[in-house]
Amino acid sequence: MSAQPHPRLTPEEYLDLDRASELRHEYYGGQMYAMSGGTYAHGLIIVNLARRLAEALEGRLCTVTASDVRVQVEPGGLYTYPDVAVVCGDRHYRDNRRDTVLNPVLLIEVLSPSTEAYDRGFKSAQYRTLESLQEYALVSQTEPRVEVFRRAADGEWVLTEFTGLEASARFRSVDCVVPLAKIYDKVTFEESAAPAPPVS
């Protein structure tokens, strides 16, 4: 997210501003942050993931969204737009606008050089506070690698890593398997590894 915060806002003020904006913003601790755009490879991986998960979950009471649905991690806490979110069963919303989900079971972030530390650190710590969340995944865009963190029965988070185009990522929270070759379909790793141009 952008390093330039807006003035301190309440969650309600943030939601009013974000809903009226053509850009997407994250919110935490009274601050609203504009979200930066991603690379072509980043967008392609998100679409591939969302499509394959939706296909695997067809006929089940689960919905898959990509990038455009806001998730509230806790009241007054983080509001964010995960790259991919899966909700199973009834969807719980913050209010009657139905654009802010409270109960995802699976969240996925596609890593970028500019946001990887944030996604691995602060954001993953926030995600782990979600009572509904059973898994979250970090997906590389520079190599075929998917890291899946699963909440165990004792509350601990267990990491399983899947690497190589011959591997398949297993998402136990929704009981489905997605081949990495499908996740990275049409992705050129040389392009995805190129640094983004500086923002003026």
N, C-alpha and C. Protein backbone atom coordinates (compact mmCIF):
# COMPACT_ATOMS: atom_id res chain seq x y z
N MET A 1 0.82 -1.18 0.00
CA MET A 1 0.00 0.00 0.00
C MET A 1 0.87 1.25 0.00
N SER A 2 0.25 2.38 -0.33
CA SER A 2 0.99 3.62 -0.45
C SER A 2 1.50 4.09 0.90
N ALA A 3 2.63 4.78 0.89
CA ALA A 3 3.24 5.25 2.14
C ALA A 3 2.65 6.57 2.59
N GLN A 4 1.74 7.17 1.81
CA GLN A 4 1.19 8.47 2.18
C GLN A 4 -0.22 8.30 2.73
N PRO A 5 -0.40 8.37 4.05
CA PRO A 5 -1.72 8.17 4.64
C PRO A 5 -2.59 9.42 4.56
N HIS A 6 -3.88 9.22 4.63
CA HIS A 6 -4.83 10.31 4.74
C HIS A 6 -4.93 10.70 6.21
N PRO A 7 -5.61 11.82 6.54
CA PRO A 7 -5.82 12.17 7.95
C PRO A 7 -6.58 11.07 8.68
N ARG A 8 -6.47 11.06 10.02
CA ARG A 8 -7.10 10.01 10.83
C ARG A 8 -8.60 9.98 10.61
N LEU A 9 -9.12 8.78 10.38
CA LEU A 9 -10.52 8.59 10.05
C LEU A 9 -11.14 7.52 10.93
N THR A 10 -12.44 7.59 11.12
CA THR A 10 -13.16 6.49 11.74
C THR A 10 -13.40 5.43 10.66
N PRO A 11 -13.71 4.19 11.04
CA PRO A 11 -14.03 3.19 10.02
C PRO A 11 -15.19 3.62 9.12
N GLU A 12 -16.19 4.29 9.70
CA GLU A 12 -17.33 4.74 8.91
C GLU A 12 -16.91 5.79 7.88
N GLU A 13 -16.04 6.73 8.28
CA GLU A 13 -15.54 7.74 7.34
C GLU A 13 -14.72 7.09 6.23
N TYR A 14 -13.89 6.13 6.61
CA TYR A 14 -13.11 5.40 5.61
C TYR A 14 -14.02 4.73 4.60
N LEU A 15 -15.05 4.03 5.07
CA LEU A 15 -15.93 3.31 4.17
C LEU A 15 -16.64 4.27 3.22
N ASP A 16 -17.09 5.41 3.74
CA ASP A 16 -17.74 6.39 2.87
C ASP A 16 -16.80 6.87 1.77
N LEU A 17 -15.56 7.16 2.13
CA LEU A 17 -14.58 7.65 1.16
C LEU A 17 -14.19 6.57 0.16
N ASP A 18 -13.97 5.34 0.66
CA ASP A 18 -13.54 4.26 -0.22
C ASP A 18 -14.64 3.90 -1.20
N ARG A 19 -15.88 3.88 -0.72
CA ARG A 19 -16.99 3.55 -1.59
C ARG A 19 -17.21 4.60 -2.68
N ALA A 20 -16.86 5.84 -2.40
CA ALA A 20 -17.05 6.92 -3.37
C ALA A 20 -15.87 7.05 -4.34
N SER A 21 -14.78 6.35 -4.07
CA SER A 21 -13.56 6.51 -4.84
C SER A 21 -13.48 5.49 -5.97
N GLU A 22 -12.81 5.88 -7.06
CA GLU A 22 -12.54 4.93 -8.14
C GLU A 22 -11.37 4.02 -7.78
N LEU A 23 -10.55 4.44 -6.81
CA LEU A 23 -9.42 3.64 -6.35
C LEU A 23 -9.84 2.82 -5.13
N ARG A 24 -9.09 1.76 -4.85
CA ARG A 24 -9.31 0.96 -3.66
C ARG A 24 -8.32 1.39 -2.58
N HIS A 25 -8.77 1.33 -1.33
CA HIS A 25 -7.93 1.75 -0.20
C HIS A 25 -8.01 0.72 0.91
N GLU A 26 -6.90 0.54 1.61
CA GLU A 26 -6.90 -0.23 2.85
C GLU A 26 -7.02 0.75 4.02
N TYR A 27 -7.38 0.20 5.17
CA TYR A 27 -7.58 1.04 6.36
C TYR A 27 -7.06 0.30 7.57
N TYR A 28 -6.36 1.04 8.42
CA TYR A 28 -5.94 0.48 9.70
C TYR A 28 -5.58 1.62 10.64
N GLY A 29 -6.03 1.53 11.89
CA GLY A 29 -5.64 2.48 12.92
C GLY A 29 -5.95 3.93 12.59
N GLY A 30 -7.07 4.16 11.93
CA GLY A 30 -7.45 5.52 11.61
C GLY A 30 -6.87 6.07 10.33
N GLN A 31 -6.07 5.27 9.62
CA GLN A 31 -5.42 5.73 8.40
C GLN A 31 -5.94 4.95 7.19
N MET A 32 -6.10 5.68 6.08
CA MET A 32 -6.54 5.08 4.82
C MET A 32 -5.39 5.17 3.84
N TYR A 33 -5.12 4.05 3.16
CA TYR A 33 -3.97 3.97 2.26
C TYR A 33 -4.42 3.53 0.87
N ALA A 34 -4.00 4.29 -0.15
CA ALA A 34 -4.30 3.89 -1.53
C ALA A 34 -3.51 2.64 -1.87
N MET A 35 -4.18 1.70 -2.53
CA MET A 35 -3.52 0.46 -2.93
C MET A 35 -2.89 0.63 -4.31
N SER A 36 -1.67 0.16 -4.44
CA SER A 36 -0.96 0.27 -5.72
C SER A 36 -1.40 -0.83 -6.67
N GLY A 37 -1.21 -0.58 -7.97
CA GLY A 37 -1.54 -1.59 -8.97
C GLY A 37 -0.47 -2.66 -9.04
N GLY A 38 -0.79 -3.77 -9.69
CA GLY A 38 0.15 -4.88 -9.80
C GLY A 38 0.65 -5.05 -11.23
N THR A 39 1.52 -6.01 -11.42
CA THR A 39 2.05 -6.32 -12.75
C THR A 39 1.03 -7.18 -13.51
N TYR A 40 1.31 -7.36 -14.79
CA TYR A 40 0.46 -8.22 -15.61
C TYR A 40 0.46 -9.65 -15.05
N ALA A 41 1.65 -10.13 -14.67
CA ALA A 41 1.74 -11.49 -14.11
C ALA A 41 0.94 -11.60 -12.82
N HIS A 42 0.99 -10.57 -11.99
CA HIS A 42 0.24 -10.55 -10.73
C HIS A 42 -1.25 -10.72 -11.01
N GLY A 43 -1.77 -9.93 -11.95
CA GLY A 43 -3.18 -10.03 -12.28
C GLY A 43 -3.55 -11.36 -12.89
N LEU A 44 -2.67 -11.90 -13.72
CA LEU A 44 -2.93 -13.18 -14.37
C LEU A 44 -2.99 -14.31 -13.35
N ILE A 45 -2.09 -14.31 -12.38
CA ILE A 45 -2.09 -15.34 -11.33
C ILE A 45 -3.38 -15.27 -10.51
N ILE A 46 -3.82 -14.06 -10.18
CA ILE A 46 -5.06 -13.89 -9.42
C ILE A 46 -6.24 -14.49 -10.18
N VAL A 47 -6.34 -14.16 -11.47
CA VAL A 47 -7.45 -14.67 -12.29
C VAL A 47 -7.38 -16.19 -12.39
N ASN A 48 -6.18 -16.73 -12.62
CA ASN A 48 -6.03 -18.18 -12.70
C ASN A 48 -6.47 -18.86 -11.41
N LEU A 49 -6.02 -18.33 -10.28
CA LEU A 49 -6.38 -18.91 -8.99
C LEU A 49 -7.88 -18.87 -8.75
N ALA A 50 -8.47 -17.70 -8.97
CA ALA A 50 -9.90 -17.55 -8.71
C ALA A 50 -10.71 -18.48 -9.61
N ARG A 51 -10.32 -18.58 -10.89
CA ARG A 51 -11.05 -19.44 -11.81
C ARG A 51 -10.95 -20.90 -11.41
N ARG A 52 -9.73 -21.35 -11.09
CA ARG A 52 -9.56 -22.77 -10.74
C ARG A 52 -10.26 -23.12 -9.43
N LEU A 53 -10.22 -22.22 -8.46
CA LEU A 53 -10.93 -22.47 -7.21
C LEU A 53 -12.44 -22.50 -7.45
N ALA A 54 -12.94 -21.56 -8.24
CA ALA A 54 -14.37 -21.54 -8.53
C ALA A 54 -14.82 -22.82 -9.23
N GLU A 55 -14.00 -23.31 -10.17
CA GLU A 55 -14.32 -24.56 -10.85
C GLU A 55 -14.34 -25.73 -9.87
N ALA A 56 -13.35 -25.78 -8.98
CA ALA A 56 -13.26 -26.88 -8.02
C ALA A 56 -14.41 -26.85 -7.01
N LEU A 57 -14.93 -25.65 -6.73
CA LEU A 57 -15.98 -25.50 -5.72
C LEU A 57 -17.38 -25.42 -6.33
N GLU A 58 -17.48 -25.64 -7.62
CA GLU A 58 -18.78 -25.57 -8.28
C GLU A 58 -19.75 -26.57 -7.65
N GLY A 59 -20.96 -26.11 -7.38
CA GLY A 59 -21.96 -26.96 -6.77
C GLY A 59 -21.92 -27.00 -5.26
N ARG A 60 -20.94 -26.33 -4.67
CA ARG A 60 -20.83 -26.30 -3.20
C ARG A 60 -21.19 -24.91 -2.70
N LEU A 61 -21.46 -24.80 -1.42
CA LEU A 61 -21.89 -23.53 -0.83
C LEU A 61 -20.70 -22.64 -0.50
N CYS A 62 -19.85 -22.42 -1.50
CA CYS A 62 -18.68 -21.56 -1.33
C CYS A 62 -18.64 -20.58 -2.49
N THR A 63 -18.19 -19.36 -2.22
CA THR A 63 -18.04 -18.35 -3.25
C THR A 63 -16.60 -17.86 -3.27
N VAL A 64 -16.13 -17.56 -4.48
CA VAL A 64 -14.76 -17.10 -4.69
C VAL A 64 -14.80 -15.70 -5.28
N THR A 65 -14.05 -14.77 -4.68
CA THR A 65 -13.95 -13.42 -5.22
C THR A 65 -12.48 -13.07 -5.40
N ALA A 66 -12.24 -12.15 -6.33
CA ALA A 66 -10.86 -11.76 -6.64
C ALA A 66 -10.72 -10.25 -6.58
N SER A 67 -10.00 -9.76 -5.60
CA SER A 67 -9.50 -8.39 -5.50
C SER A 67 -10.52 -7.30 -5.22
N ASP A 68 -11.80 -7.50 -5.54
CA ASP A 68 -12.75 -6.40 -5.46
C ASP A 68 -13.65 -6.44 -4.24
N VAL A 69 -13.51 -7.42 -3.38
CA VAL A 69 -14.34 -7.50 -2.18
C VAL A 69 -13.51 -7.17 -0.95
N ARG A 70 -13.99 -6.21 -0.20
CA ARG A 70 -13.30 -5.77 1.01
C ARG A 70 -13.54 -6.77 2.14
N VAL A 71 -12.51 -7.02 2.94
CA VAL A 71 -12.62 -7.89 4.11
C VAL A 71 -12.30 -7.06 5.35
N GLN A 72 -13.16 -7.14 6.34
CA GLN A 72 -12.91 -6.50 7.64
C GLN A 72 -12.34 -7.55 8.57
N VAL A 73 -11.11 -7.32 9.01
CA VAL A 73 -10.44 -8.31 9.85
C VAL A 73 -10.95 -8.26 11.27
N GLU A 74 -11.20 -7.09 11.79
CA GLU A 74 -11.77 -6.97 13.12
C GLU A 74 -12.40 -5.59 13.23
N PRO A 75 -13.38 -5.40 14.14
CA PRO A 75 -13.99 -4.07 14.26
C PRO A 75 -12.95 -3.00 14.58
N GLY A 76 -12.90 -1.97 13.74
CA GLY A 76 -11.94 -0.90 13.98
C GLY A 76 -10.53 -1.23 13.58
N GLY A 77 -10.32 -2.44 13.04
CA GLY A 77 -8.97 -2.87 12.69
C GLY A 77 -8.71 -2.74 11.21
N LEU A 78 -8.14 -3.78 10.63
CA LEU A 78 -7.74 -3.75 9.23
C LEU A 78 -8.93 -3.99 8.31
N TYR A 79 -9.04 -3.14 7.29
CA TYR A 79 -9.94 -3.36 6.17
C TYR A 79 -9.04 -3.49 4.94
N THR A 80 -9.21 -4.56 4.18
CA THR A 80 -8.30 -4.80 3.08
C THR A 80 -9.00 -5.53 1.94
N TYR A 81 -8.32 -5.58 0.80
CA TYR A 81 -8.83 -6.27 -0.39
C TYR A 81 -7.89 -7.43 -0.71
N PRO A 82 -8.15 -8.62 -0.19
CA PRO A 82 -7.28 -9.76 -0.53
C PRO A 82 -7.32 -10.05 -2.03
N ASP A 83 -6.24 -10.62 -2.53
CA ASP A 83 -6.22 -10.97 -3.95
C ASP A 83 -7.29 -11.99 -4.28
N VAL A 84 -7.47 -12.98 -3.41
CA VAL A 84 -8.53 -13.98 -3.56
C VAL A 84 -9.11 -14.27 -2.19
N ALA A 85 -10.43 -14.34 -2.10
CA ALA A 85 -11.10 -14.67 -0.84
C ALA A 85 -12.17 -15.72 -1.11
N VAL A 86 -12.31 -16.67 -0.19
CA VAL A 86 -13.33 -17.71 -0.30
C VAL A 86 -14.16 -17.70 0.97
N VAL A 87 -15.48 -17.65 0.79
CA VAL A 87 -16.43 -17.74 1.91
C VAL A 87 -17.28 -18.97 1.67
N CYS A 88 -17.48 -19.78 2.71
CA CYS A 88 -18.33 -20.96 2.60
C CYS A 88 -19.52 -20.82 3.55
N GLY A 89 -20.67 -21.27 3.10
CA GLY A 89 -21.88 -21.11 3.90
C GLY A 89 -22.40 -19.69 3.77
N ASP A 90 -23.11 -19.24 4.81
CA ASP A 90 -23.67 -17.89 4.77
C ASP A 90 -22.57 -16.84 4.79
N ARG A 91 -22.74 -15.80 3.98
CA ARG A 91 -21.81 -14.69 3.98
C ARG A 91 -22.25 -13.67 5.01
N HIS A 92 -21.33 -13.26 5.86
CA HIS A 92 -21.63 -12.25 6.86
C HIS A 92 -21.00 -10.93 6.42
N TYR A 93 -21.81 -9.87 6.43
CA TYR A 93 -21.37 -8.57 5.96
C TYR A 93 -21.33 -7.57 7.11
N ARG A 94 -20.53 -6.54 6.93
CA ARG A 94 -20.45 -5.48 7.94
C ARG A 94 -21.75 -4.70 8.04
N ASP A 95 -22.38 -4.44 6.89
CA ASP A 95 -23.62 -3.68 6.88
C ASP A 95 -24.43 -4.06 5.64
N ASN A 96 -25.54 -3.35 5.44
CA ASN A 96 -26.44 -3.74 4.35
C ASN A 96 -25.92 -3.36 2.97
N ARG A 97 -24.77 -2.73 2.88
CA ARG A 97 -24.16 -2.48 1.56
C ARG A 97 -23.59 -3.78 0.97
N ARG A 98 -23.30 -4.74 1.80
CA ARG A 98 -22.83 -6.06 1.37
C ARG A 98 -21.56 -6.00 0.52
N ASP A 99 -20.68 -5.09 0.85
CA ASP A 99 -19.41 -5.00 0.13
C ASP A 99 -18.21 -5.23 1.04
N THR A 100 -18.49 -5.59 2.31
CA THR A 100 -17.42 -5.84 3.28
C THR A 100 -17.71 -7.14 4.00
N VAL A 101 -16.91 -8.17 3.70
CA VAL A 101 -17.15 -9.52 4.22
C VAL A 101 -16.43 -9.71 5.55
N LEU A 102 -17.06 -10.46 6.45
CA LEU A 102 -16.51 -10.68 7.79
C LEU A 102 -16.00 -12.10 8.01
N ASN A 103 -16.37 -13.07 7.18
CA ASN A 103 -16.12 -14.46 7.52
C ASN A 103 -15.49 -15.31 6.42
N PRO A 104 -14.38 -14.88 5.83
CA PRO A 104 -13.71 -15.75 4.86
C PRO A 104 -13.10 -16.97 5.54
N VAL A 105 -13.04 -18.09 4.83
CA VAL A 105 -12.36 -19.28 5.35
C VAL A 105 -10.97 -19.42 4.75
N LEU A 106 -10.78 -18.80 3.55
CA LEU A 106 -9.50 -18.88 2.85
C LEU A 106 -9.19 -17.52 2.24
N LEU A 107 -7.97 -17.02 2.49
CA LEU A 107 -7.50 -15.78 1.89
C LEU A 107 -6.18 -16.06 1.19
N ILE A 108 -5.99 -15.45 0.01
CA ILE A 108 -4.77 -15.67 -0.76
C ILE A 108 -4.21 -14.32 -1.20
N GLU A 109 -2.91 -14.14 -1.02
CA GLU A 109 -2.22 -12.95 -1.51
C GLU A 109 -1.14 -13.39 -2.49
N VAL A 110 -1.09 -12.72 -3.64
CA VAL A 110 -0.02 -12.93 -4.61
C VAL A 110 1.07 -11.91 -4.30
N LEU A 111 2.26 -12.39 -4.02
CA LEU A 111 3.33 -11.54 -3.53
C LEU A 111 3.90 -10.65 -4.63
N SER A 112 4.21 -9.42 -4.27
CA SER A 112 4.91 -8.48 -5.13
C SER A 112 6.15 -8.00 -4.40
N PRO A 113 7.21 -7.61 -5.12
CA PRO A 113 8.42 -7.12 -4.44
C PRO A 113 8.14 -5.96 -3.48
N SER A 114 7.20 -5.09 -3.84
CA SER A 114 6.93 -3.92 -3.01
C SER A 114 6.06 -4.21 -1.80
N THR A 115 5.33 -5.34 -1.80
CA THR A 115 4.41 -5.63 -0.71
C THR A 115 4.70 -6.94 0.02
N GLU A 116 5.73 -7.68 -0.39
CA GLU A 116 5.96 -9.01 0.19
C GLU A 116 6.19 -8.95 1.69
N ALA A 117 7.01 -8.01 2.17
CA ALA A 117 7.28 -7.92 3.60
C ALA A 117 6.00 -7.61 4.37
N TYR A 118 5.18 -6.73 3.83
CA TYR A 118 3.90 -6.37 4.45
C TYR A 118 2.95 -7.56 4.48
N ASP A 119 2.85 -8.29 3.35
CA ASP A 119 1.96 -9.45 3.28
C ASP A 119 2.40 -10.56 4.22
N ARG A 120 3.71 -10.76 4.32
CA ARG A 120 4.22 -11.82 5.20
C ARG A 120 4.16 -11.44 6.67
N GLY A 121 4.31 -10.17 6.95
CA GLY A 121 4.40 -9.71 8.33
C GLY A 121 3.08 -9.22 8.90
N PHE A 122 2.85 -7.91 8.78
CA PHE A 122 1.68 -7.30 9.40
C PHE A 122 0.37 -7.91 8.93
N LYS A 123 0.21 -8.03 7.61
CA LYS A 123 -1.09 -8.50 7.11
C LYS A 123 -1.37 -9.94 7.53
N SER A 124 -0.36 -10.81 7.48
CA SER A 124 -0.59 -12.20 7.87
C SER A 124 -0.92 -12.30 9.36
N ALA A 125 -0.29 -11.45 10.18
CA ALA A 125 -0.61 -11.43 11.61
C ALA A 125 -2.04 -10.99 11.84
N GLN A 126 -2.49 -10.00 11.07
CA GLN A 126 -3.88 -9.57 11.17
C GLN A 126 -4.83 -10.68 10.73
N TYR A 127 -4.52 -11.33 9.62
CA TYR A 127 -5.38 -12.39 9.13
C TYR A 127 -5.55 -13.50 10.16
N ARG A 128 -4.50 -13.81 10.89
CA ARG A 128 -4.58 -14.91 11.87
C ARG A 128 -5.54 -14.61 13.01
N THR A 129 -5.96 -13.35 13.18
CA THR A 129 -6.93 -13.02 14.23
C THR A 129 -8.37 -13.26 13.79
N LEU A 130 -8.58 -13.54 12.52
CA LEU A 130 -9.93 -13.79 12.02
C LEU A 130 -10.41 -15.16 12.50
N GLU A 131 -11.48 -15.20 13.25
CA GLU A 131 -11.97 -16.46 13.79
C GLU A 131 -12.41 -17.42 12.69
N SER A 132 -12.97 -16.89 11.62
CA SER A 132 -13.48 -17.76 10.54
C SER A 132 -12.36 -18.35 9.68
N LEU A 133 -11.20 -17.70 9.68
CA LEU A 133 -10.15 -18.09 8.72
C LEU A 133 -9.52 -19.42 9.10
N GLN A 134 -9.49 -20.34 8.13
CA GLN A 134 -8.86 -21.64 8.33
C GLN A 134 -7.51 -21.75 7.62
N GLU A 135 -7.37 -20.98 6.52
CA GLU A 135 -6.11 -21.01 5.77
C GLU A 135 -5.86 -19.66 5.13
N TYR A 136 -4.59 -19.33 4.96
CA TYR A 136 -4.22 -18.25 4.06
C TYR A 136 -2.98 -18.69 3.31
N ALA A 137 -2.87 -18.17 2.09
CA ALA A 137 -1.79 -18.61 1.21
C ALA A 137 -1.05 -17.41 0.64
N LEU A 138 0.25 -17.59 0.45
CA LEU A 138 1.11 -16.62 -0.19
C LEU A 138 1.63 -17.25 -1.48
N VAL A 139 1.42 -16.57 -2.59
CA VAL A 139 1.75 -17.12 -3.91
C VAL A 139 2.82 -16.25 -4.55
N SER A 140 3.94 -16.86 -4.90
CA SER A 140 5.02 -16.14 -5.56
C SER A 140 4.65 -15.82 -6.99
N GLN A 141 5.13 -14.69 -7.50
CA GLN A 141 4.96 -14.42 -8.93
C GLN A 141 6.29 -14.48 -9.67
N THR A 142 7.37 -14.82 -8.95
CA THR A 142 8.68 -14.91 -9.57
C THR A 142 9.14 -16.35 -9.78
N GLU A 143 8.44 -17.30 -9.17
CA GLU A 143 8.74 -18.72 -9.33
C GLU A 143 7.49 -19.51 -8.96
N PRO A 144 7.34 -20.76 -9.43
CA PRO A 144 6.16 -21.55 -9.07
C PRO A 144 6.25 -22.04 -7.62
N ARG A 145 5.66 -21.26 -6.72
CA ARG A 145 5.73 -21.59 -5.28
C ARG A 145 4.50 -21.05 -4.57
N VAL A 146 3.84 -21.90 -3.82
CA VAL A 146 2.67 -21.54 -3.04
C VAL A 146 2.89 -21.99 -1.60
N GLU A 147 2.77 -21.06 -0.66
CA GLU A 147 2.88 -21.37 0.76
C GLU A 147 1.49 -21.30 1.38
N VAL A 148 1.05 -22.37 1.99
CA VAL A 148 -0.28 -22.43 2.59
C VAL A 148 -0.12 -22.58 4.10
N PHE A 149 -0.70 -21.63 4.83
CA PHE A 149 -0.70 -21.66 6.29
C PHE A 149 -2.08 -22.10 6.75
N ARG A 150 -2.12 -23.19 7.51
CA ARG A 150 -3.39 -23.78 7.95
C ARG A 150 -3.49 -23.74 9.46
N ARG A 151 -4.68 -23.36 9.95
CA ARG A 151 -4.92 -23.35 11.39
C ARG A 151 -5.16 -24.78 11.86
N ALA A 152 -4.31 -25.28 12.73
CA ALA A 152 -4.44 -26.64 13.26
C ALA A 152 -5.48 -26.66 14.38
N ALA A 153 -5.81 -27.88 14.83
CA ALA A 153 -6.84 -28.04 15.86
C ALA A 153 -6.45 -27.35 17.17
N ASP A 154 -5.15 -27.25 17.44
CA ASP A 154 -4.70 -26.61 18.68
C ASP A 154 -4.54 -25.09 18.52
N GLY A 155 -4.92 -24.55 17.35
CA GLY A 155 -4.83 -23.11 17.14
C GLY A 155 -3.52 -22.66 16.54
N GLU A 156 -2.54 -23.56 16.46
CA GLU A 156 -1.26 -23.20 15.85
C GLU A 156 -1.41 -23.17 14.33
N TRP A 157 -0.57 -22.36 13.68
CA TRP A 157 -0.59 -22.28 12.22
C TRP A 157 0.54 -23.12 11.65
N VAL A 158 0.18 -24.00 10.71
CA VAL A 158 1.13 -24.95 10.12
C VAL A 158 1.36 -24.59 8.66
N LEU A 159 2.63 -24.52 8.26
CA LEU A 159 2.99 -24.17 6.89
C LEU A 159 3.23 -25.41 6.05
N THR A 160 2.63 -25.44 4.87
CA THR A 160 2.93 -26.44 3.85
C THR A 160 3.29 -25.70 2.58
N GLU A 161 4.41 -26.06 1.98
CA GLU A 161 4.90 -25.36 0.79
C GLU A 161 4.84 -26.29 -0.42
N PHE A 162 4.39 -25.73 -1.55
CA PHE A 162 4.29 -26.47 -2.79
C PHE A 162 5.13 -25.74 -3.84
N THR A 163 6.08 -26.42 -4.46
CA THR A 163 6.98 -25.78 -5.41
C THR A 163 7.10 -26.59 -6.69
N GLY A 164 7.30 -25.87 -7.80
CA GLY A 164 7.48 -26.52 -9.08
C GLY A 164 6.17 -26.68 -9.83
N LEU A 165 6.24 -26.60 -11.15
CA LEU A 165 5.03 -26.68 -11.97
C LEU A 165 4.41 -28.07 -11.96
N GLU A 166 5.14 -29.07 -11.48
CA GLU A 166 4.58 -30.43 -11.39
C GLU A 166 3.76 -30.62 -10.11
N ALA A 167 3.90 -29.70 -9.17
CA ALA A 167 3.22 -29.83 -7.87
C ALA A 167 1.78 -29.32 -7.95
N SER A 168 0.99 -29.67 -6.94
CA SER A 168 -0.37 -29.17 -6.80
C SER A 168 -0.55 -28.63 -5.39
N ALA A 169 -1.18 -27.47 -5.28
CA ALA A 169 -1.42 -26.86 -3.97
C ALA A 169 -2.73 -27.40 -3.41
N ARG A 170 -2.68 -27.88 -2.17
CA ARG A 170 -3.88 -28.40 -1.52
C ARG A 170 -4.41 -27.36 -0.53
N PHE A 171 -5.68 -27.01 -0.69
CA PHE A 171 -6.35 -26.09 0.22
C PHE A 171 -7.37 -26.90 1.02
N ARG A 172 -6.96 -27.30 2.22
CA ARG A 172 -7.80 -28.19 3.02
C ARG A 172 -9.07 -27.50 3.51
N SER A 173 -9.00 -26.18 3.67
CA SER A 173 -10.17 -25.45 4.18
C SER A 173 -11.37 -25.59 3.26
N VAL A 174 -11.12 -25.77 1.98
CA VAL A 174 -12.21 -25.93 1.02
C VAL A 174 -12.12 -27.27 0.28
N ASP A 175 -11.22 -28.13 0.76
CA ASP A 175 -11.08 -29.50 0.26
C ASP A 175 -10.92 -29.54 -1.26
N CYS A 176 -9.92 -28.81 -1.76
CA CYS A 176 -9.65 -28.88 -3.19
C CYS A 176 -8.16 -28.75 -3.46
N VAL A 177 -7.76 -29.20 -4.63
CA VAL A 177 -6.37 -29.22 -5.05
C VAL A 177 -6.27 -28.47 -6.38
N VAL A 178 -5.29 -27.58 -6.48
CA VAL A 178 -5.10 -26.81 -7.71
C VAL A 178 -3.67 -27.01 -8.19
N PRO A 179 -3.47 -27.55 -9.39
CA PRO A 179 -2.11 -27.72 -9.92
C PRO A 179 -1.43 -26.36 -10.10
N LEU A 180 -0.15 -26.29 -9.74
CA LEU A 180 0.58 -25.05 -9.94
C LEU A 180 0.69 -24.69 -11.42
N ALA A 181 0.69 -25.70 -12.28
CA ALA A 181 0.72 -25.42 -13.71
C ALA A 181 -0.51 -24.62 -14.14
N LYS A 182 -1.64 -24.81 -13.46
CA LYS A 182 -2.85 -24.05 -13.75
C LYS A 182 -2.77 -22.65 -13.13
N ILE A 183 -2.21 -22.56 -11.92
CA ILE A 183 -2.07 -21.26 -11.27
C ILE A 183 -1.18 -20.34 -12.09
N TYR A 184 -0.12 -20.92 -12.68
CA TYR A 184 0.85 -20.12 -13.43
C TYR A 184 0.67 -20.23 -14.94
N ASP A 185 -0.52 -20.63 -15.38
CA ASP A 185 -0.78 -20.74 -16.81
C ASP A 185 -0.55 -19.40 -17.51
N LYS A 186 0.28 -19.40 -18.54
CA LYS A 186 0.61 -18.22 -19.36
C LYS A 186 1.45 -17.17 -18.63
N VAL A 187 1.98 -17.51 -17.46
CA VAL A 187 2.84 -16.59 -16.73
C VAL A 187 4.28 -16.76 -17.21
N THR A 188 4.93 -15.66 -17.55
CA THR A 188 6.35 -15.66 -17.92
C THR A 188 7.13 -15.13 -16.73
N PHE A 189 7.95 -15.97 -16.12
CA PHE A 189 8.61 -15.58 -14.87
C PHE A 189 9.63 -14.48 -15.06
N GLU A 190 10.24 -14.38 -16.23
CA GLU A 190 11.18 -13.29 -16.46
C GLU A 190 10.47 -11.94 -16.37
N GLU A 191 9.22 -11.87 -16.90
CA GLU A 191 8.46 -10.63 -16.85
C GLU A 191 8.00 -10.33 -15.43
N SER A 192 7.55 -11.39 -14.71
CA SER A 192 7.02 -11.15 -13.38
C SER A 192 8.12 -10.76 -12.40
N ALA A 193 9.37 -11.11 -12.71
CA ALA A 193 10.47 -10.76 -11.81
C ALA A 193 11.02 -9.36 -12.05
N ALA A 194 10.59 -8.72 -13.14
CA ALA A 194 11.12 -7.40 -13.46
C ALA A 194 10.63 -6.38 -12.43
N PRO A 195 11.48 -5.46 -11.98
CA PRO A 195 11.04 -4.46 -11.01
C PRO A 195 10.06 -3.51 -11.61
N ALA A 196 9.12 -3.05 -10.79
CA ALA A 196 8.13 -2.10 -11.26
C ALA A 196 8.79 -0.73 -11.43
N PRO A 197 8.32 0.06 -12.42
CA PRO A 197 8.89 1.39 -12.59
C PRO A 197 8.55 2.28 -11.42
N PRO A 198 9.39 3.28 -11.12
CA PRO A 198 9.12 4.16 -9.99
C PRO A 198 7.86 4.95 -10.21
N VAL A 199 7.13 5.22 -9.11
CA VAL A 199 5.90 6.01 -9.17
C VAL A 199 6.26 7.46 -9.02
N SER A 200 5.81 8.28 -9.95
CA SER A 200 6.13 9.71 -9.89
C SER A 200 5.14 10.45 -9.01
